[in-house]
Amino acid sequence: MKESQKTPAWKHLTQVERLGEVLLRDGKLKLKQFAALMEDQLAMPEKRIGDLAVEKGYISQDELLDSLLRQIHVSRVVEASAKELALV
C-alpha cells in the first residue's frame, strides 16, 4: 500500500491501547480512579500508571500483570496484522 493510501483510520486501527485504557476497558479501573491516576502521574512523571494503581490499592499486582500481558499480546497481534497488510 502506498503511503498516500494510508488513512488516519488505519493508524487508529493499528494503535495499541495504553495500559490505562486496558484497565478501563477490562473494568479494573473506574473512570474517576483513572483520572486521579493521571493527575498523580503529572506530579510524578517517573511513576507508571500501573504502579500508581497498585500503590493506591485500585488493583492488585496480579491484575496489573494480567493487564500488561494482555496489552503485550494485543500489540503483537496488531503488529503482525499491520505487517501482513503492509501498513508498517
N, C-alpha and C. Protein backbone atom coordinates (compact mmCIF):
# COMPACT_ATOMS: atom_id res chain seq x y z
N MET A 1 0.85 -1.17 0.00
CA MET A 1 0.00 0.00 0.00
C MET A 1 0.90 1.23 0.00
N LYS A 2 0.59 2.17 -0.87
CA LYS A 2 1.37 3.39 -0.95
C LYS A 2 1.11 4.26 0.27
N GLU A 3 2.11 5.06 0.60
CA GLU A 3 1.99 5.96 1.75
C GLU A 3 0.77 6.87 1.61
N SER A 4 0.49 7.31 0.39
CA SER A 4 -0.65 8.21 0.16
C SER A 4 -1.99 7.52 0.38
N GLN A 5 -2.01 6.18 0.33
CA GLN A 5 -3.25 5.43 0.53
C GLN A 5 -3.54 5.14 1.99
N LYS A 6 -2.56 5.33 2.84
CA LYS A 6 -2.76 5.10 4.27
C LYS A 6 -3.62 6.22 4.82
N THR A 7 -4.65 5.85 5.51
CA THR A 7 -5.55 6.86 6.05
C THR A 7 -5.39 6.94 7.56
N PRO A 8 -5.85 8.04 8.15
CA PRO A 8 -5.81 8.13 9.61
C PRO A 8 -6.58 6.97 10.27
N ALA A 9 -7.59 6.45 9.59
CA ALA A 9 -8.36 5.32 10.14
C ALA A 9 -7.45 4.12 10.36
N TRP A 10 -6.54 3.84 9.42
CA TRP A 10 -5.62 2.71 9.58
C TRP A 10 -4.72 2.94 10.78
N LYS A 11 -4.27 4.18 10.93
CA LYS A 11 -3.40 4.49 12.06
C LYS A 11 -4.14 4.25 13.37
N HIS A 12 -5.39 4.66 13.41
CA HIS A 12 -6.21 4.46 14.62
C HIS A 12 -6.43 2.97 14.89
N LEU A 13 -6.70 2.22 13.83
CA LEU A 13 -6.97 0.79 14.00
C LEU A 13 -5.74 -0.01 14.42
N THR A 14 -4.57 0.49 14.09
CA THR A 14 -3.35 -0.24 14.43
C THR A 14 -2.67 0.31 15.68
N GLN A 15 -3.29 1.28 16.31
CA GLN A 15 -2.72 1.84 17.54
C GLN A 15 -3.02 0.90 18.71
N VAL A 16 -2.01 0.59 19.47
CA VAL A 16 -2.16 -0.31 20.61
C VAL A 16 -2.64 0.47 21.82
N GLU A 17 -3.58 -0.12 22.55
CA GLU A 17 -4.11 0.53 23.74
C GLU A 17 -3.02 0.71 24.79
N ARG A 18 -3.08 1.84 25.46
CA ARG A 18 -2.17 2.07 26.57
C ARG A 18 -2.72 1.33 27.79
N LEU A 19 -1.88 1.12 28.77
CA LEU A 19 -2.27 0.33 29.93
C LEU A 19 -3.52 0.88 30.62
N GLY A 20 -3.60 2.17 30.79
CA GLY A 20 -4.78 2.77 31.42
C GLY A 20 -6.05 2.43 30.67
N GLU A 21 -5.98 2.44 29.34
CA GLU A 21 -7.14 2.09 28.51
C GLU A 21 -7.52 0.63 28.70
N VAL A 22 -6.51 -0.24 28.80
CA VAL A 22 -6.76 -1.66 29.02
C VAL A 22 -7.47 -1.86 30.37
N LEU A 23 -6.96 -1.20 31.40
CA LEU A 23 -7.55 -1.33 32.74
C LEU A 23 -8.99 -0.82 32.76
N LEU A 24 -9.24 0.27 32.06
CA LEU A 24 -10.61 0.80 31.98
C LEU A 24 -11.52 -0.16 31.22
N ARG A 25 -11.07 -0.60 30.07
CA ARG A 25 -11.89 -1.50 29.23
C ARG A 25 -12.23 -2.79 29.95
N ASP A 26 -11.25 -3.30 30.70
CA ASP A 26 -11.46 -4.56 31.42
C ASP A 26 -12.23 -4.38 32.72
N GLY A 27 -12.59 -3.14 33.04
CA GLY A 27 -13.37 -2.88 34.25
C GLY A 27 -12.56 -2.95 35.53
N LYS A 28 -11.25 -2.90 35.42
CA LYS A 28 -10.40 -2.97 36.61
C LYS A 28 -10.22 -1.59 37.25
N LEU A 29 -10.47 -0.54 36.47
CA LEU A 29 -10.43 0.83 36.98
C LEU A 29 -11.73 1.53 36.61
N LYS A 30 -12.16 2.40 37.47
CA LYS A 30 -13.28 3.29 37.17
C LYS A 30 -12.70 4.56 36.57
N LEU A 31 -13.48 5.28 35.82
CA LEU A 31 -13.00 6.49 35.17
C LEU A 31 -12.48 7.50 36.19
N LYS A 32 -13.15 7.62 37.32
CA LYS A 32 -12.72 8.55 38.37
C LYS A 32 -11.34 8.15 38.90
N GLN A 33 -11.12 6.85 39.07
CA GLN A 33 -9.82 6.38 39.54
C GLN A 33 -8.73 6.67 38.51
N PHE A 34 -9.07 6.44 37.24
CA PHE A 34 -8.11 6.69 36.17
C PHE A 34 -7.74 8.17 36.12
N ALA A 35 -8.73 9.04 36.26
CA ALA A 35 -8.47 10.48 36.26
C ALA A 35 -7.55 10.86 37.42
N ALA A 36 -7.77 10.28 38.59
CA ALA A 36 -6.92 10.54 39.75
C ALA A 36 -5.49 10.06 39.47
N LEU A 37 -5.35 8.92 38.83
CA LEU A 37 -4.02 8.40 38.50
C LEU A 37 -3.30 9.31 37.50
N MET A 38 -4.05 9.84 36.55
CA MET A 38 -3.46 10.75 35.57
C MET A 38 -2.94 12.01 36.25
N GLU A 39 -3.70 12.52 37.20
CA GLU A 39 -3.25 13.69 37.97
C GLU A 39 -2.00 13.37 38.78
N ASP A 40 -2.01 12.20 39.42
CA ASP A 40 -0.84 11.77 40.18
C ASP A 40 0.39 11.65 39.27
N GLN A 41 0.17 11.14 38.08
CA GLN A 41 1.29 10.94 37.17
C GLN A 41 1.85 12.28 36.68
N LEU A 42 1.01 13.29 36.59
CA LEU A 42 1.52 14.62 36.23
C LEU A 42 2.48 15.14 37.29
N ALA A 43 2.16 14.85 38.54
CA ALA A 43 3.01 15.28 39.65
C ALA A 43 4.24 14.40 39.80
N MET A 44 4.14 13.16 39.37
CA MET A 44 5.25 12.19 39.49
C MET A 44 5.45 11.48 38.15
N PRO A 45 5.98 12.16 37.15
CA PRO A 45 6.10 11.56 35.80
C PRO A 45 6.97 10.31 35.73
N GLU A 46 7.80 10.11 36.74
CA GLU A 46 8.64 8.91 36.73
C GLU A 46 7.86 7.66 37.09
N LYS A 47 6.68 7.83 37.66
CA LYS A 47 5.83 6.70 38.06
C LYS A 47 4.95 6.26 36.89
N ARG A 48 4.78 4.98 36.77
CA ARG A 48 3.91 4.42 35.72
C ARG A 48 2.50 4.25 36.29
N ILE A 49 1.53 4.34 35.38
CA ILE A 49 0.12 4.24 35.79
C ILE A 49 -0.15 2.95 36.56
N GLY A 50 0.36 1.84 36.07
CA GLY A 50 0.12 0.56 36.73
C GLY A 50 0.67 0.53 38.15
N ASP A 51 1.86 1.05 38.32
CA ASP A 51 2.46 1.09 39.66
C ASP A 51 1.65 1.98 40.60
N LEU A 52 1.21 3.12 40.08
CA LEU A 52 0.39 4.01 40.90
C LEU A 52 -0.94 3.34 41.29
N ALA A 53 -1.53 2.63 40.35
CA ALA A 53 -2.81 1.96 40.61
C ALA A 53 -2.65 0.90 41.71
N VAL A 54 -1.54 0.19 41.69
CA VAL A 54 -1.28 -0.82 42.73
C VAL A 54 -1.03 -0.12 44.07
N GLU A 55 -0.20 0.93 44.05
CA GLU A 55 0.11 1.66 45.28
C GLU A 55 -1.15 2.22 45.94
N LYS A 56 -2.09 2.70 45.14
CA LYS A 56 -3.32 3.26 45.67
C LYS A 56 -4.34 2.19 46.06
N GLY A 57 -4.05 0.93 45.72
CA GLY A 57 -4.95 -0.15 46.06
C GLY A 57 -6.12 -0.32 45.10
N TYR A 58 -6.04 0.33 43.94
CA TYR A 58 -7.10 0.21 42.94
C TYR A 58 -7.11 -1.17 42.30
N ILE A 59 -5.91 -1.73 42.10
CA ILE A 59 -5.77 -3.06 41.51
C ILE A 59 -4.68 -3.81 42.27
N SER A 60 -4.67 -5.12 42.12
CA SER A 60 -3.62 -5.94 42.74
C SER A 60 -2.44 -6.07 41.77
N GLN A 61 -1.33 -6.54 42.30
CA GLN A 61 -0.15 -6.80 41.46
C GLN A 61 -0.49 -7.83 40.38
N ASP A 62 -1.29 -8.84 40.74
CA ASP A 62 -1.69 -9.86 39.77
C ASP A 62 -2.55 -9.27 38.65
N GLU A 63 -3.45 -8.36 39.01
CA GLU A 63 -4.28 -7.71 37.99
C GLU A 63 -3.43 -6.86 37.06
N LEU A 64 -2.43 -6.20 37.62
CA LEU A 64 -1.52 -5.40 36.79
C LEU A 64 -0.78 -6.31 35.81
N LEU A 65 -0.23 -7.40 36.31
CA LEU A 65 0.50 -8.33 35.45
C LEU A 65 -0.40 -8.89 34.35
N ASP A 66 -1.62 -9.28 34.71
CA ASP A 66 -2.58 -9.80 33.74
C ASP A 66 -2.86 -8.77 32.64
N SER A 67 -3.05 -7.53 33.03
CA SER A 67 -3.34 -6.48 32.05
C SER A 67 -2.13 -6.18 31.17
N LEU A 68 -0.94 -6.20 31.76
CA LEU A 68 0.27 -5.99 30.97
C LEU A 68 0.47 -7.12 29.95
N LEU A 69 0.22 -8.34 30.37
CA LEU A 69 0.34 -9.47 29.44
C LEU A 69 -0.67 -9.37 28.31
N ARG A 70 -1.89 -8.96 28.64
CA ARG A 70 -2.93 -8.78 27.62
C ARG A 70 -2.52 -7.67 26.65
N GLN A 71 -1.97 -6.58 27.18
CA GLN A 71 -1.52 -5.47 26.34
C GLN A 71 -0.42 -5.92 25.37
N ILE A 72 0.53 -6.69 25.88
CA ILE A 72 1.62 -7.19 25.04
C ILE A 72 1.08 -8.12 23.95
N HIS A 73 0.18 -9.02 24.33
CA HIS A 73 -0.40 -9.95 23.35
C HIS A 73 -1.12 -9.19 22.25
N VAL A 74 -1.94 -8.23 22.61
CA VAL A 74 -2.70 -7.46 21.62
C VAL A 74 -1.75 -6.68 20.72
N SER A 75 -0.70 -6.10 21.30
CA SER A 75 0.24 -5.33 20.48
C SER A 75 0.93 -6.23 19.46
N ARG A 76 1.23 -7.46 19.83
CA ARG A 76 1.86 -8.40 18.88
C ARG A 76 0.90 -8.79 17.77
N VAL A 77 -0.36 -8.98 18.11
CA VAL A 77 -1.37 -9.32 17.10
C VAL A 77 -1.55 -8.15 16.13
N VAL A 78 -1.65 -6.95 16.67
CA VAL A 78 -1.82 -5.76 15.83
C VAL A 78 -0.61 -5.58 14.93
N GLU A 79 0.58 -5.73 15.48
CA GLU A 79 1.80 -5.57 14.68
C GLU A 79 1.87 -6.60 13.56
N ALA A 80 1.55 -7.84 13.87
CA ALA A 80 1.58 -8.89 12.84
C ALA A 80 0.55 -8.61 11.75
N SER A 81 -0.63 -8.16 12.14
CA SER A 81 -1.67 -7.86 11.17
C SER A 81 -1.28 -6.68 10.30
N ALA A 82 -0.69 -5.66 10.92
CA ALA A 82 -0.26 -4.48 10.16
C ALA A 82 0.82 -4.87 9.15
N LYS A 83 1.74 -5.74 9.55
CA LYS A 83 2.78 -6.18 8.62
C LYS A 83 2.17 -6.96 7.47
N GLU A 84 1.20 -7.80 7.80
CA GLU A 84 0.54 -8.61 6.77
C GLU A 84 -0.16 -7.71 5.75
N LEU A 85 -0.71 -6.61 6.22
CA LEU A 85 -1.41 -5.67 5.33
C LEU A 85 -0.48 -4.62 4.75
N ALA A 86 0.82 -4.74 5.05
CA ALA A 86 1.84 -3.80 4.57
C ALA A 86 1.54 -2.38 5.02
N LEU A 87 1.09 -2.25 6.26
CA LEU A 87 0.80 -0.93 6.81
C LEU A 87 2.00 -0.35 7.56
N VAL A 88 2.96 -1.22 7.87
CA VAL A 88 4.16 -0.73 8.56
C VAL A 88 5.40 -1.11 7.79
